[in-house]
N, C-alpha and C. Protein backbone atom coordinates (compact mmCIF):
# COMPACT_ATOMS: atom_id res chain seq x y z
N MET A 1 59.77 103.33 102.79
CA MET A 1 59.48 104.65 102.26
C MET A 1 58.32 104.56 101.29
N THR A 2 57.32 105.42 101.43
CA THR A 2 56.17 105.41 100.53
C THR A 2 56.44 106.31 99.35
N SER A 3 55.80 105.96 98.24
CA SER A 3 55.96 106.73 97.02
C SER A 3 55.18 108.04 97.11
N VAL A 4 55.75 109.08 96.55
CA VAL A 4 55.10 110.39 96.53
C VAL A 4 54.04 110.43 95.43
N ILE A 5 54.21 109.57 94.41
CA ILE A 5 53.31 109.58 93.27
C ILE A 5 52.60 108.24 93.16
N ALA A 6 51.28 108.28 92.97
CA ALA A 6 50.48 107.09 92.69
C ALA A 6 49.98 107.19 91.25
N ILE A 7 49.78 106.05 90.63
CA ILE A 7 49.32 106.02 89.24
C ILE A 7 47.94 105.40 89.20
N LYS A 8 47.07 105.99 88.40
CA LYS A 8 45.72 105.46 88.18
C LYS A 8 45.56 105.28 86.67
N ILE A 9 45.33 104.05 86.23
CA ILE A 9 45.13 103.75 84.81
C ILE A 9 43.69 103.31 84.62
N THR A 10 42.97 103.99 83.73
CA THR A 10 41.57 103.68 83.47
C THR A 10 41.42 103.19 82.03
N LEU A 11 40.81 102.03 81.88
CA LEU A 11 40.55 101.42 80.58
C LEU A 11 39.05 101.47 80.33
N THR A 12 38.65 102.04 79.19
CA THR A 12 37.24 102.15 78.82
C THR A 12 37.08 101.69 77.38
N PRO A 13 36.06 100.87 77.10
CA PRO A 13 35.82 100.52 75.70
C PRO A 13 35.38 101.75 74.92
N ALA A 14 35.80 101.83 73.66
CA ALA A 14 35.37 102.94 72.81
C ALA A 14 33.88 102.84 72.55
N ALA A 15 33.24 103.99 72.36
CA ALA A 15 31.80 104.02 72.09
C ALA A 15 31.45 103.23 70.84
N THR A 16 32.38 103.18 69.90
CA THR A 16 32.13 102.49 68.63
C THR A 16 32.51 101.01 68.66
N ALA A 17 33.03 100.53 69.77
CA ALA A 17 33.46 99.13 69.87
C ALA A 17 32.24 98.21 69.86
N SER A 18 32.36 97.10 69.13
CA SER A 18 31.28 96.12 69.08
C SER A 18 31.14 95.43 70.43
N SER A 19 30.02 94.75 70.62
CA SER A 19 29.81 94.06 71.90
C SER A 19 30.85 92.95 72.09
N ALA A 20 31.30 92.32 71.00
CA ALA A 20 32.33 91.29 71.11
C ALA A 20 33.66 91.89 71.59
N VAL A 21 34.02 93.04 71.05
CA VAL A 21 35.25 93.71 71.47
C VAL A 21 35.13 94.15 72.92
N ARG A 22 33.97 94.66 73.30
CA ARG A 22 33.75 95.07 74.70
C ARG A 22 33.95 93.89 75.65
N GLU A 23 33.42 92.73 75.29
CA GLU A 23 33.57 91.54 76.13
C GLU A 23 35.01 91.08 76.20
N ARG A 24 35.73 91.14 75.09
CA ARG A 24 37.15 90.78 75.09
C ARG A 24 37.96 91.75 75.97
N LEU A 25 37.62 93.05 75.90
CA LEU A 25 38.30 94.04 76.75
C LEU A 25 38.01 93.77 78.22
N ARG A 26 36.78 93.42 78.52
CA ARG A 26 36.41 93.12 79.90
C ARG A 26 37.20 91.90 80.40
N HIS A 27 37.31 90.89 79.56
CA HIS A 27 38.09 89.70 79.92
C HIS A 27 39.56 90.07 80.15
N PHE A 28 40.11 90.91 79.27
CA PHE A 28 41.49 91.38 79.43
C PHE A 28 41.64 92.09 80.79
N ALA A 29 40.71 92.98 81.11
CA ALA A 29 40.77 93.73 82.37
C ALA A 29 40.74 92.78 83.56
N ASN A 30 39.88 91.77 83.51
CA ASN A 30 39.81 90.79 84.60
C ASN A 30 41.12 90.03 84.75
N GLN A 31 41.72 89.65 83.63
CA GLN A 31 42.97 88.89 83.66
C GLN A 31 44.14 89.70 84.20
N HIS A 32 44.07 91.03 84.06
CA HIS A 32 45.19 91.88 84.45
C HIS A 32 44.92 92.69 85.73
N ARG A 33 44.04 92.17 86.58
CA ARG A 33 43.80 92.71 87.92
C ARG A 33 43.18 94.11 87.95
N PHE A 34 42.52 94.52 86.87
CA PHE A 34 41.78 95.78 86.90
C PHE A 34 40.52 95.57 87.74
N VAL A 35 40.07 96.63 88.37
CA VAL A 35 38.79 96.62 89.08
C VAL A 35 37.76 97.23 88.13
N ILE A 36 36.70 96.48 87.85
CA ILE A 36 35.70 96.93 86.89
C ILE A 36 34.56 97.63 87.61
N ASP A 37 34.24 98.83 87.12
CA ASP A 37 33.13 99.62 87.63
C ASP A 37 32.03 99.57 86.58
N ASP A 38 30.97 98.82 86.88
CA ASP A 38 29.84 98.66 85.97
C ASP A 38 28.84 99.76 86.21
N ALA A 39 28.42 100.41 85.13
CA ALA A 39 27.43 101.47 85.23
C ALA A 39 26.33 101.23 84.20
N GLY A 40 25.57 100.15 84.39
CA GLY A 40 24.51 99.83 83.44
C GLY A 40 25.08 99.31 82.14
N ASN A 41 24.84 100.03 81.05
CA ASN A 41 25.31 99.59 79.73
C ASN A 41 26.77 99.91 79.49
N SER A 42 27.39 100.70 80.34
CA SER A 42 28.79 101.06 80.15
C SER A 42 29.61 100.60 81.36
N TRP A 43 30.90 100.55 81.17
CA TRP A 43 31.80 100.17 82.25
C TRP A 43 33.18 100.75 81.98
N HIS A 44 33.96 100.82 83.02
CA HIS A 44 35.37 101.15 82.89
C HIS A 44 36.13 100.34 83.94
N ALA A 45 37.41 100.16 83.70
CA ALA A 45 38.23 99.36 84.59
C ALA A 45 39.42 100.19 85.05
N VAL A 46 39.78 100.04 86.32
CA VAL A 46 40.84 100.86 86.92
C VAL A 46 41.87 99.96 87.59
N ILE A 47 43.12 100.37 87.46
CA ILE A 47 44.22 99.72 88.18
C ILE A 47 45.14 100.83 88.69
N TYR A 48 45.75 100.61 89.83
CA TYR A 48 46.61 101.62 90.45
C TYR A 48 48.07 101.20 90.45
N ASP A 49 48.45 100.42 89.46
CA ASP A 49 49.81 99.91 89.41
C ASP A 49 50.19 99.74 87.95
N GLY A 50 51.43 100.03 87.60
CA GLY A 50 51.90 99.80 86.25
C GLY A 50 52.14 101.08 85.47
N GLU A 51 52.34 100.89 84.18
CA GLU A 51 52.58 102.00 83.26
C GLU A 51 51.58 101.91 82.11
N GLY A 52 51.05 103.03 81.71
CA GLY A 52 50.08 103.07 80.63
C GLY A 52 50.60 102.49 79.34
N GLU A 53 51.85 102.76 79.02
CA GLU A 53 52.44 102.24 77.78
C GLU A 53 52.52 100.71 77.81
N ASP A 54 52.77 100.13 78.98
CA ASP A 54 52.82 98.68 79.10
C ASP A 54 51.43 98.08 78.88
N VAL A 55 50.41 98.71 79.44
CA VAL A 55 49.04 98.24 79.26
C VAL A 55 48.67 98.33 77.78
N LYS A 56 49.00 99.43 77.15
CA LYS A 56 48.69 99.62 75.72
C LYS A 56 49.39 98.55 74.88
N ALA A 57 50.64 98.25 75.18
CA ALA A 57 51.38 97.22 74.44
C ALA A 57 50.72 95.85 74.61
N ARG A 58 50.28 95.53 75.84
CA ARG A 58 49.61 94.24 76.07
C ARG A 58 48.29 94.16 75.33
N LEU A 59 47.56 95.28 75.29
CA LEU A 59 46.30 95.31 74.53
C LEU A 59 46.55 95.07 73.05
N ARG A 60 47.56 95.71 72.51
CA ARG A 60 47.91 95.51 71.09
C ARG A 60 48.33 94.07 70.83
N GLN A 61 49.08 93.46 71.77
CA GLN A 61 49.49 92.07 71.61
C GLN A 61 48.29 91.13 71.57
N GLN A 62 47.21 91.53 72.24
CA GLN A 62 45.99 90.73 72.26
C GLN A 62 45.11 90.98 71.04
N GLY A 63 45.56 91.86 70.13
CA GLY A 63 44.83 92.10 68.90
C GLY A 63 43.91 93.30 68.91
N PHE A 64 43.93 94.07 69.99
CA PHE A 64 43.10 95.28 70.04
C PHE A 64 43.79 96.41 69.27
N THR A 65 42.99 97.27 68.69
CA THR A 65 43.53 98.45 68.02
C THR A 65 43.26 99.67 68.89
N ASP A 66 43.94 100.76 68.61
CA ASP A 66 43.78 101.98 69.40
C ASP A 66 42.36 102.52 69.35
N THR A 67 41.59 102.17 68.33
CA THR A 67 40.21 102.66 68.21
C THR A 67 39.22 101.80 69.00
N ASP A 68 39.68 100.71 69.62
CA ASP A 68 38.82 99.83 70.40
C ASP A 68 38.65 100.29 71.85
N PHE A 69 39.54 101.14 72.33
CA PHE A 69 39.54 101.48 73.75
C PHE A 69 40.07 102.89 73.98
N SER A 70 39.81 103.35 75.18
CA SER A 70 40.40 104.60 75.67
C SER A 70 41.20 104.24 76.91
N LEU A 71 42.41 104.75 76.97
CA LEU A 71 43.29 104.49 78.10
C LEU A 71 43.70 105.84 78.69
N ASN A 72 43.37 106.04 79.95
CA ASN A 72 43.66 107.30 80.61
C ASN A 72 44.61 107.04 81.78
N VAL A 73 45.70 107.78 81.82
CA VAL A 73 46.68 107.63 82.90
C VAL A 73 46.72 108.92 83.70
N GLU A 74 46.53 108.79 85.01
CA GLU A 74 46.60 109.95 85.90
C GLU A 74 47.69 109.69 86.94
N TYR A 75 48.37 110.75 87.29
CA TYR A 75 49.40 110.67 88.32
C TYR A 75 48.93 111.48 89.52
N GLN A 76 49.03 110.89 90.69
CA GLN A 76 48.57 111.55 91.90
C GLN A 76 49.75 111.86 92.80
N ARG A 77 49.82 113.09 93.20
CA ARG A 77 50.77 113.47 94.25
C ARG A 77 49.99 113.47 95.56
N ARG A 78 50.61 113.73 96.62
CA ARG A 78 49.94 113.66 97.91
C ARG A 78 48.70 114.56 98.00
N TRP A 79 48.66 115.62 97.22
CA TRP A 79 47.55 116.56 97.31
C TRP A 79 46.43 116.26 96.32
N GLY A 80 46.54 115.25 95.46
CA GLY A 80 45.45 114.88 94.56
C GLY A 80 45.92 114.53 93.16
N PHE A 81 44.98 114.08 92.33
CA PHE A 81 45.30 113.71 90.95
C PHE A 81 45.57 114.94 90.11
N LEU A 82 46.54 114.84 89.21
CA LEU A 82 46.88 115.93 88.31
C LEU A 82 46.10 115.82 87.03
């Protein structure tokens, strides 16, 4: 049986994050199976599995603060993202 709902979690470095924090976030995303979309000087990482609160907890465990990143969680039903 397939799930009716899909989850999309997007991780983006905050605009105010230093280059060192951005690199650490990128490393975190690579380690946790996120797909990174590079757009020149900016990037974001996406994963379609898990829970946003779990990702946020792992980021905090790695020493990141809430002001270092933006985490967006979208839920998709069969007809599209909400």
